[in-house]
Amino acid sequence: MKMGRKDIKEEKVHTCDIAVAGAGPAGLMAAIMAAREGAHVIVLERNDRPLKKLYATGNGRCNFSNLNMERGVYRGSDPEYAMTIVDYYDRNDLLLFFHNLGMMTKHIGDYIYPYNEQARTVADALLLECRRLDVSVVCEEMVVDIIPDEENFTVETHTRIYRCKKVIAATGGKASPVHGSDGNLNGVITGMGHTMVRQRAALVPLMFEDRKLSKLAGVRVKCSVRLTIDGLDASEERGEIIFNKDNISGIPVMQMSRYATAAFPVGRKVTVHINLFPDETKEELRELVSRAFKGVYDPDRRSDFKRDRNAHEAMSLCLNEKLAEYCLGVAGIIPGSLAGNVPEKQLEKLTGILRDLRVTVTGDAGYERAQVTAGGFAVSELTDELESRKVPGLYIVGELCDVDGTCGGYNLQWAFSSGAVAGRSAAATVYG
């Protein structure tokens, strides 16, 4: 049996019923639920303050759940497992939890926010409840090892040892390492016999190398987007995308990114197909382009070339001017050429481009700019209470699991739901 570190003095050994590694949403929810059942809980957090990543969620507005919880919002090797947990502690349970803490909420569309749209409010509600329940949240205390024995656990940090009956691992994935998520416990949990489904960035911008596309930086456009891998459809979304200097982002792209990030490492070709006019049929769009270029005014007056529009001016009647110039270039149409003289064949080609503007993406923007992590520890090795089947008494929750949600508050709902279920279960088994 592996022994604890001998360089730590006995007075630095602390005891508790349940140790929680990580003071994120999943960890604090687990701690609160366990403490409500009477357990003595200590939360160990590597950062100088808890919930550091939460403050940045939703650009600081903290969209923490969603009115629409239909199947398909969770991904991973077993999405139904995630839904089982979320059904057990669902959106209504979470809303009641916060309302009972005095935090008002509201929804904008299907997205649920704190009423004042400030992430700090969610953090304050959680921390105030921890204080009321005497949950100890110890910051700048990174867990470096978890050692099980026949009945208990020894949890080691750089400076202390904690002995406890149960451990809840809630240290997050690898996304947003600036907020303290870098997978530091992955090796420890893998060493206990757990299977790690390869982790990768999700909800992340997709990179391109086309220098001409870089000129579109700052352009936003509402459209439909389709992702293909080696020519086969992988995902389709609709909404506003954003062109940046070396990547494309926006909710539709972020939603599809998990499929792209799985394809990049094995050398598969990933293409984003953009339909800039998703509400028009091909025939309707062709007529729109024809009117922009040819007009319907008196053809006898078209001989005055000094007054007639050029191709860029014509296309800019339908599209953002930067995007118009780019699409003309792809179609082989000189922007300054006389609009009325562009051949029908080229207008047909332009129409096709407007319906299927293709961007070859070559990678993702990395964990630094990812909102969540895809992959994680296999949920097949966890019970329906998120307890390890390999190491009884160890619970694995939140982003550590092979579960990731789409945009819209689903990842925070998973964090809170998994934390709540694990916290209650851990406390029940302590006193069972």
Protein backbone atom coordinates (compact mmCIF):
# COMPACT_ATOMS: atom_id res chain seq x y z
CA MET A 1 0.00 0.00 0.00
CA LYS A 2 1.24 3.47 -0.92
CA MET A 3 2.03 5.54 2.16
CA GLY A 4 1.56 9.28 2.62
CA ARG A 5 4.40 11.77 2.46
CA LYS A 6 6.62 11.60 5.52
CA ASP A 7 7.94 15.15 5.11
CA ILE A 8 4.66 16.63 6.28
CA LYS A 9 4.40 17.06 10.02
CA GLU A 10 1.57 15.42 11.91
CA GLU A 11 0.13 18.78 12.96
CA LYS A 12 -0.52 19.52 9.30
CA VAL A 13 -2.78 16.47 8.96
CA HIS A 14 -6.48 17.39 8.88
CA THR A 15 -9.51 15.13 9.08
CA CYS A 16 -13.00 15.43 7.64
CA ASP A 17 -15.83 13.26 6.37
CA ILE A 18 -15.58 14.37 2.74
CA ALA A 19 -12.77 16.15 0.89
CA VAL A 20 -13.70 17.92 -2.33
CA ALA A 21 -10.90 18.64 -4.80
CA GLY A 22 -11.80 21.80 -6.70
CA ALA A 23 -13.93 24.81 -5.74
CA GLY A 24 -15.74 25.23 -9.04
CA PRO A 25 -19.52 24.98 -9.50
CA ALA A 26 -19.55 21.16 -9.32
CA GLY A 27 -17.27 21.05 -6.28
CA LEU A 28 -19.12 23.68 -4.26
CA MET A 29 -22.52 22.21 -5.10
CA ALA A 30 -21.27 18.80 -3.97
CA ALA A 31 -19.93 20.32 -0.76
CA ILE A 32 -23.18 22.15 -0.02
CA MET A 33 -25.37 19.09 -0.60
CA ALA A 34 -23.11 16.89 1.53
CA ALA A 35 -22.98 19.46 4.32
CA ARG A 36 -26.76 19.76 4.31
CA GLU A 37 -26.83 16.04 5.11
CA GLY A 38 -24.60 16.66 8.12
CA ALA A 39 -21.18 15.80 6.67
CA HIS A 40 -18.05 17.70 7.68
CA VAL A 41 -16.69 18.90 4.31
CA ILE A 42 -13.41 20.52 3.31
CA VAL A 43 -12.97 21.94 -0.21
CA LEU A 44 -9.42 22.25 -1.55
CA GLU A 45 -8.83 24.81 -4.30
CA ARG A 46 -5.57 25.47 -6.14
CA ASN A 47 -6.43 29.08 -7.07
CA ASP A 48 -6.27 32.07 -4.75
CA ARG A 49 -10.08 32.23 -4.81
CA PRO A 50 -12.92 29.82 -5.57
CA LEU A 51 -15.10 29.83 -8.70
CA LYS A 52 -12.51 31.72 -10.75
CA LYS A 53 -13.72 30.30 -14.06
CA LEU A 54 -17.36 30.96 -13.22
CA TYR A 55 -16.79 34.71 -13.15
CA ALA A 56 -15.92 34.62 -16.86
CA THR A 57 -18.88 32.45 -17.88
CA GLY A 58 -21.10 33.98 -20.54
CA ASN A 59 -18.91 37.07 -20.71
CA GLY A 60 -19.54 37.60 -17.03
CA ARG A 61 -23.33 37.22 -17.31
CA CYS A 62 -23.37 33.55 -16.26
CA ASN A 63 -25.95 31.68 -18.33
CA PHE A 64 -26.22 28.72 -15.93
CA SER A 65 -29.11 26.67 -17.34
CA ASN A 66 -31.69 26.49 -20.09
CA LEU A 67 -35.47 26.14 -20.41
CA ASN A 68 -34.97 23.64 -23.22
CA MET A 69 -33.42 20.44 -21.88
CA GLU A 70 -34.20 18.16 -24.82
CA ARG A 71 -32.10 15.12 -25.67
CA GLY A 72 -29.07 15.91 -27.78
CA VAL A 73 -27.70 18.83 -25.75
CA TYR A 74 -25.05 16.59 -24.18
CA ARG A 75 -22.25 14.82 -26.00
CA GLY A 76 -19.70 12.19 -25.07
CA SER A 77 -19.47 8.41 -25.25
CA ASP A 78 -22.79 8.07 -23.36
CA PRO A 79 -24.94 11.23 -23.61
CA GLU A 80 -27.88 9.42 -22.04
CA TYR A 81 -25.89 9.02 -18.81
CA ALA A 82 -25.59 12.80 -18.58
CA MET A 83 -29.33 13.21 -19.13
CA THR A 84 -30.04 10.67 -16.38
CA ILE A 85 -28.06 12.75 -13.90
CA VAL A 86 -29.59 16.02 -15.12
CA ASP A 87 -33.09 14.52 -14.95
CA TYR A 88 -32.43 13.46 -11.36
CA TYR A 89 -31.37 16.98 -10.34
CA ASP A 90 -32.91 19.09 -13.05
CA ARG A 91 -33.29 22.72 -14.05
CA ASN A 92 -36.25 23.22 -11.72
CA ASP A 93 -34.30 21.81 -8.78
CA LEU A 94 -31.46 24.18 -9.57
CA LEU A 95 -33.77 27.20 -9.87
CA LEU A 96 -35.40 26.32 -6.56
CA PHE A 97 -31.96 25.94 -4.99
CA PHE A 98 -30.93 29.46 -6.00
CA HIS A 99 -34.32 31.00 -5.25
CA ASN A 100 -34.16 29.56 -1.73
CA LEU A 101 -30.78 31.22 -1.34
CA GLY A 102 -32.40 34.53 -2.27
CA MET A 103 -30.97 34.80 -5.78
CA MET A 104 -33.46 36.00 -8.38
CA THR A 105 -33.26 34.62 -11.91
CA LYS A 106 -34.61 35.41 -15.35
CA HIS A 107 -34.55 33.94 -18.82
CA ILE A 108 -33.67 35.60 -22.10
CA GLY A 109 -35.11 33.34 -24.74
CA ASP A 110 -34.35 29.88 -23.34
CA TYR A 111 -31.15 30.98 -21.58
CA ILE A 112 -31.39 31.30 -17.78
CA TYR A 113 -29.35 33.98 -15.97
CA PRO A 114 -29.12 35.54 -12.53
CA TYR A 115 -31.56 38.45 -12.57
CA ASN A 116 -28.82 41.09 -12.64
CA GLU A 117 -26.85 39.12 -15.27
CA GLN A 118 -23.73 39.08 -13.11
CA ALA A 119 -21.75 35.90 -12.53
CA ARG A 120 -20.64 37.30 -9.19
CA THR A 121 -24.19 36.85 -7.89
CA VAL A 122 -24.09 33.09 -8.52
CA ALA A 123 -20.68 32.88 -6.86
CA ASP A 124 -21.83 34.90 -3.85
CA ALA A 125 -24.90 32.70 -3.39
CA LEU A 126 -22.79 29.53 -3.34
CA LEU A 127 -20.13 30.93 -1.04
CA LEU A 128 -22.64 32.37 1.42
CA GLU A 129 -24.27 28.96 1.69
CA CYS A 130 -20.89 27.33 2.23
CA ARG A 131 -20.25 29.78 5.05
CA ARG A 132 -23.65 29.09 6.62
CA LEU A 133 -22.97 25.35 6.54
CA ASP A 134 -19.41 25.68 7.91
CA VAL A 135 -17.93 24.23 4.75
CA SER A 136 -14.19 25.00 4.79
CA VAL A 137 -12.97 26.30 1.43
CA VAL A 138 -9.16 26.29 1.52
CA CYS A 139 -7.56 28.20 -1.36
CA GLU A 140 -4.01 27.92 -2.74
CA GLU A 141 -4.16 24.25 -1.78
CA MET A 142 -3.71 22.09 -4.87
CA VAL A 143 -4.43 18.39 -4.53
CA VAL A 144 -1.48 16.38 -5.87
CA ASP A 145 -2.42 12.86 -4.80
CA ILE A 146 -5.36 10.79 -3.60
CA ILE A 147 -4.47 7.55 -1.82
CA PRO A 148 -7.22 5.05 -0.92
CA ASP A 149 -6.86 2.40 1.78
CA GLU A 150 -9.33 -0.18 3.04
CA GLU A 151 -11.76 2.30 4.61
CA ASN A 152 -10.51 5.87 4.10
CA PHE A 153 -8.58 8.19 1.82
CA THR A 154 -5.46 10.26 2.23
CA VAL A 155 -5.52 13.43 0.15
CA GLU A 156 -2.19 15.18 -0.28
CA THR A 157 -1.51 18.79 -1.25
CA HIS A 158 1.86 20.51 -1.45
CA THR A 159 1.71 21.47 2.21
CA ARG A 160 -0.84 19.31 4.03
CA ILE A 161 -2.43 15.90 4.34
CA TYR A 162 -6.18 15.41 4.68
CA ARG A 163 -7.70 12.15 5.85
CA CYS A 164 -11.32 11.53 4.96
CA LYS A 165 -13.94 8.88 4.32
CA LYS A 166 -14.95 10.05 0.83
CA VAL A 167 -13.37 12.12 -1.93
CA ILE A 168 -15.16 14.10 -4.62
CA ALA A 169 -12.90 14.99 -7.56
CA ALA A 170 -14.13 18.21 -9.19
CA THR A 171 -10.99 19.81 -10.61
CA GLY A 172 -12.38 20.37 -14.11
CA GLY A 173 -10.99 19.62 -17.55
CA LYS A 174 -8.23 21.37 -19.49
CA ALA A 175 -10.19 24.28 -20.96
CA SER A 176 -9.23 27.78 -19.82
CA PRO A 177 -6.02 26.91 -17.93
CA VAL A 178 -5.64 30.57 -16.92
CA HIS A 179 -8.50 29.88 -14.51
CA GLY A 180 -6.78 26.85 -13.03
CA SER A 181 -8.09 23.99 -15.18
CA ASP A 182 -5.21 21.99 -16.61
CA GLY A 183 -5.96 18.34 -15.87
CA ASN A 184 -3.56 18.10 -12.93
CA LEU A 185 -5.48 15.20 -11.34
CA ASN A 186 -5.82 13.17 -14.54
CA GLY A 187 -2.73 11.08 -13.87
CA VAL A 188 -3.76 10.38 -10.29
CA ILE A 189 -7.23 9.15 -11.26
CA THR A 190 -5.92 7.19 -14.22
CA GLY A 191 -3.47 5.55 -11.83
CA MET A 192 -6.44 4.25 -9.86
CA GLY A 193 -7.56 2.28 -12.88
CA HIS A 194 -9.93 4.74 -14.55
CA THR A 195 -10.12 5.07 -18.32
CA MET A 196 -9.52 8.49 -19.83
CA VAL A 197 -11.42 9.20 -23.06
CA ARG A 198 -9.03 11.41 -25.03
CA GLN A 199 -9.56 15.02 -24.06
CA ARG A 200 -9.75 17.85 -26.56
CA ALA A 201 -11.01 21.40 -26.77
CA ALA A 202 -14.74 21.99 -27.31
CA LEU A 203 -16.79 25.14 -27.79
CA VAL A 204 -13.67 26.63 -29.34
CA PRO A 205 -12.93 28.85 -32.40
CA LEU A 206 -11.68 27.07 -35.52
CA MET A 207 -8.47 28.26 -37.20
CA PHE A 208 -7.82 28.90 -40.89
CA GLU A 209 -4.74 29.82 -42.93
CA ASP A 210 -6.38 31.77 -45.80
CA ARG A 211 -4.76 35.22 -45.69
CA LYS A 212 -7.56 36.73 -47.75
CA LEU A 213 -10.05 35.64 -45.09
CA SER A 214 -8.02 37.60 -42.53
CA LYS A 215 -9.28 40.80 -44.15
CA LEU A 216 -12.77 39.91 -42.90
CA ALA A 217 -11.71 40.29 -39.25
CA GLY A 218 -14.59 41.79 -37.27
CA VAL A 219 -17.32 40.83 -39.74
CA ARG A 220 -20.39 39.22 -38.20
CA VAL A 221 -23.02 37.49 -40.29
CA LYS A 222 -26.15 35.48 -39.57
CA CYS A 223 -26.16 32.31 -41.62
CA SER A 224 -26.40 28.55 -41.56
CA VAL A 225 -23.18 26.57 -41.14
CA ARG A 226 -22.39 22.97 -42.00
CA LEU A 227 -19.28 21.05 -40.97
CA THR A 228 -17.91 18.26 -43.14
CA ILE A 229 -15.11 15.83 -42.37
CA ASP A 230 -13.52 14.25 -45.45
CA GLY A 231 -16.57 15.43 -47.36
CA LEU A 232 -19.13 13.81 -45.06
CA ASP A 233 -21.60 15.87 -43.04
CA ALA A 234 -20.77 15.96 -39.34
CA SER A 235 -22.90 18.79 -37.93
CA GLU A 236 -25.10 21.70 -38.94
CA GLU A 237 -26.02 24.85 -37.02
CA ARG A 238 -27.56 28.25 -37.58
CA GLY A 239 -26.90 31.66 -36.05
CA GLU A 240 -24.30 34.42 -36.07
CA ILE A 241 -20.69 33.64 -36.88
CA ILE A 242 -17.71 35.94 -36.44
CA PHE A 243 -14.69 36.20 -38.70
CA ASN A 244 -11.45 36.93 -36.87
CA LYS A 245 -7.90 37.42 -38.06
CA ASP A 246 -7.04 33.73 -38.06
CA ASN A 247 -10.23 31.94 -37.02
CA ILE A 248 -13.99 31.83 -37.18
CA SER A 249 -16.10 31.76 -34.05
CA GLY A 250 -19.64 32.43 -32.90
CA ILE A 251 -22.12 30.00 -31.35
CA PRO A 252 -22.74 27.88 -34.50
CA VAL A 253 -19.02 27.30 -35.02
CA MET A 254 -18.41 26.64 -31.33
CA GLN A 255 -21.24 24.09 -31.26
CA MET A 256 -19.66 22.12 -34.11
CA SER A 257 -16.07 22.42 -32.96
CA ARG A 258 -15.95 19.21 -30.88
CA TYR A 259 -16.32 17.17 -34.09
CA ALA A 260 -13.54 19.13 -35.77
CA THR A 261 -11.15 18.78 -32.84
CA ALA A 262 -11.60 15.01 -32.99
CA ALA A 263 -10.68 14.99 -36.69
CA PHE A 264 -7.59 17.22 -36.68
CA PRO A 265 -5.19 14.85 -34.85
CA VAL A 266 -5.82 12.03 -37.34
CA GLY A 267 -5.25 14.21 -40.40
CA ARG A 268 -8.81 14.37 -41.71
CA LYS A 269 -9.94 17.28 -43.89
CA VAL A 270 -12.33 19.59 -42.07
CA THR A 271 -14.38 22.16 -43.97
CA VAL A 272 -16.90 24.74 -42.80
CA HIS A 273 -19.65 25.43 -45.37
CA ILE A 274 -21.40 28.77 -44.92
CA ASN A 275 -24.79 29.56 -46.45
CA LEU A 276 -24.98 33.35 -46.33
CA PHE A 277 -28.63 33.38 -47.45
CA PRO A 278 -30.26 30.43 -45.66
CA ASP A 279 -33.79 31.80 -46.03
CA GLU A 280 -33.65 31.99 -49.84
CA THR A 281 -33.91 29.13 -52.29
CA LYS A 282 -31.28 28.88 -55.00
CA GLU A 283 -33.71 30.40 -57.50
CA GLU A 284 -34.66 33.27 -55.16
CA LEU A 285 -31.01 34.06 -54.48
CA ARG A 286 -30.18 33.93 -58.19
CA GLU A 287 -32.91 36.50 -58.83
CA LEU A 288 -31.61 38.69 -56.00
CA VAL A 289 -28.09 38.64 -57.45
CA SER A 290 -29.41 39.34 -60.94
CA ARG A 291 -31.34 42.39 -59.75
CA ALA A 292 -28.31 43.70 -57.86
CA PHE A 293 -26.05 43.35 -60.91
CA LYS A 294 -28.39 43.97 -63.84
CA GLY A 295 -31.16 46.09 -62.35
CA VAL A 296 -34.64 46.37 -63.85
CA TYR A 297 -34.45 49.97 -64.92
CA ASP A 298 -34.67 51.19 -68.52
CA PRO A 299 -32.00 49.30 -70.49
CA ASP A 300 -31.63 52.29 -72.87
CA ARG A 301 -29.92 54.23 -70.09
CA ARG A 302 -27.33 51.52 -69.35
CA SER A 303 -24.95 52.97 -71.91
CA ASP A 304 -23.86 55.63 -69.41
CA PHE A 305 -20.97 53.65 -67.93
CA LYS A 306 -19.84 56.54 -65.73
CA ARG A 307 -23.01 56.27 -63.72
CA ASP A 308 -23.51 52.54 -63.65
CA ARG A 309 -22.61 50.42 -60.59
CA ASN A 310 -19.57 48.16 -60.43
CA ALA A 311 -19.58 44.56 -59.21
CA HIS A 312 -18.54 45.45 -55.66
CA GLU A 313 -21.22 48.10 -55.37
CA ALA A 314 -23.80 45.64 -56.66
CA MET A 315 -22.79 42.85 -54.29
CA SER A 316 -22.65 45.25 -51.35
CA LEU A 317 -26.38 45.85 -51.82
CA CYS A 318 -26.89 42.30 -50.53
CA LEU A 319 -23.95 41.64 -48.25
CA ASN A 320 -21.42 43.21 -45.90
CA GLU A 321 -18.97 45.09 -48.14
CA LYS A 322 -15.88 43.19 -46.91
CA LEU A 323 -17.61 39.88 -47.34
CA ALA A 324 -18.95 41.00 -50.73
CA GLU A 325 -15.41 41.69 -51.98
CA TYR A 326 -14.17 38.33 -50.71
CA CYS A 327 -17.00 36.39 -52.38
CA LEU A 328 -16.41 38.23 -55.66
CA GLY A 329 -12.76 37.21 -55.50
CA VAL A 330 -13.67 33.55 -54.95
CA ALA A 331 -16.02 33.76 -57.94
CA GLY A 332 -13.30 35.33 -60.10
CA ILE A 333 -15.19 38.61 -60.57
CA ILE A 334 -13.15 41.83 -60.54
CA PRO A 335 -14.79 44.11 -57.94
CA GLY A 336 -14.33 47.23 -60.08
CA SER A 337 -15.74 45.68 -63.25
CA LEU A 338 -19.05 46.94 -64.65
CA ALA A 339 -21.84 45.03 -62.91
CA GLY A 340 -24.03 44.84 -66.00
CA ASN A 341 -21.27 43.21 -68.01
CA VAL A 342 -20.60 40.29 -65.64
CA PRO A 343 -21.45 37.11 -67.61
CA GLU A 344 -24.38 35.02 -66.51
CA LYS A 345 -22.09 32.05 -65.96
CA GLN A 346 -20.09 33.98 -63.37
CA LEU A 347 -23.24 35.20 -61.66
CA GLU A 348 -24.35 31.57 -61.43
CA LYS A 349 -21.01 30.68 -59.85
CA LEU A 350 -21.32 33.60 -57.42
CA THR A 351 -24.78 32.41 -56.40
CA GLY A 352 -23.34 28.98 -55.60
CA ILE A 353 -20.60 30.54 -53.48
CA LEU A 354 -23.08 32.63 -51.52
CA ARG A 355 -24.95 29.42 -50.69
CA ASP A 356 -21.82 27.39 -49.96
CA LEU A 357 -18.83 29.54 -49.01
CA ARG A 358 -16.18 27.03 -48.00
CA VAL A 359 -13.54 27.60 -45.36
CA THR A 360 -10.89 24.94 -44.82
CA VAL A 361 -10.09 24.89 -41.11
CA THR A 362 -6.74 23.54 -39.99
CA GLY A 363 -6.97 23.43 -36.21
CA ASP A 364 -8.60 24.91 -33.14
CA ALA A 365 -7.68 27.86 -30.94
CA GLY A 366 -6.59 25.57 -28.11
CA TYR A 367 -7.59 25.05 -24.51
CA GLU A 368 -6.70 28.68 -23.77
CA ARG A 369 -9.73 29.85 -25.75
CA ALA A 370 -11.99 26.83 -25.30
CA GLN A 371 -15.01 27.09 -23.06
CA VAL A 372 -15.14 23.39 -22.14
CA THR A 373 -13.30 20.12 -22.55
CA ALA A 374 -14.61 17.20 -24.59
CA GLY A 375 -13.57 13.76 -23.36
CA GLY A 376 -12.68 12.89 -19.80
CA PHE A 377 -13.12 9.91 -17.53
CA ALA A 378 -15.42 7.22 -18.89
CA VAL A 379 -18.86 7.41 -17.28
CA SER A 380 -19.29 3.67 -17.81
CA GLU A 381 -16.95 3.29 -14.83
CA LEU A 382 -19.22 5.40 -12.60
CA THR A 383 -22.46 4.51 -10.85
CA ASP A 384 -25.64 6.52 -11.31
CA GLU A 385 -24.48 8.54 -8.28
CA LEU A 386 -21.10 9.29 -9.98
CA GLU A 387 -19.23 7.01 -7.57
CA SER A 388 -16.29 5.12 -8.99
CA ARG A 389 -16.85 1.43 -9.70
CA LYS A 390 -13.07 1.01 -9.48
CA VAL A 391 -12.48 2.83 -6.18
CA PRO A 392 -15.58 2.94 -3.97
CA GLY A 393 -15.80 6.21 -2.08
CA LEU A 394 -14.27 8.24 -4.91
CA TYR A 395 -16.69 10.42 -6.89
CA ILE A 396 -15.86 12.07 -10.21
CA VAL A 397 -18.00 15.05 -11.25
CA GLY A 398 -18.31 17.99 -13.62
CA GLU A 399 -15.91 18.50 -16.48
CA LEU A 400 -13.67 15.65 -15.33
CA CYS A 401 -16.28 13.30 -16.80
CA ASP A 402 -16.62 12.44 -20.48
CA VAL A 403 -19.58 14.81 -20.81
CA ASP A 404 -19.77 18.12 -22.64
CA GLY A 405 -22.81 20.20 -23.48
CA THR A 406 -23.69 22.61 -26.24
CA CYS A 407 -23.81 26.37 -25.70
CA GLY A 408 -26.67 27.62 -23.60
CA GLY A 409 -25.95 26.90 -19.93
CA TYR A 410 -25.87 23.12 -20.33
CA ASN A 411 -22.32 22.69 -19.08
CA LEU A 412 -23.05 24.58 -15.88
CA GLN A 413 -26.28 22.63 -15.42
CA TRP A 414 -24.24 19.43 -15.73
CA ALA A 415 -21.72 20.73 -13.20
CA PHE A 416 -24.41 21.61 -10.67
CA SER A 417 -26.42 18.43 -11.27
CA SER A 418 -23.45 16.08 -11.04
CA GLY A 419 -22.17 17.87 -7.94
CA ALA A 420 -25.56 17.71 -6.24
CA VAL A 421 -26.05 14.01 -6.94
CA ALA A 422 -22.52 13.09 -5.84
CA GLY A 423 -22.63 15.26 -2.72
CA ARG A 424 -25.87 13.73 -1.48
CA SER A 425 -24.68 10.21 -2.23
CA ALA A 426 -21.31 10.68 -0.56
CA ALA A 427 -22.91 12.02 2.61
CA ALA A 428 -25.49 9.25 2.68
CA THR A 429 -22.82 6.55 2.46
CA VAL A 430 -20.75 8.22 5.18
CA TYR A 431 -23.65 7.92 7.60
CA GLY A 432 -25.30 4.90 6.00
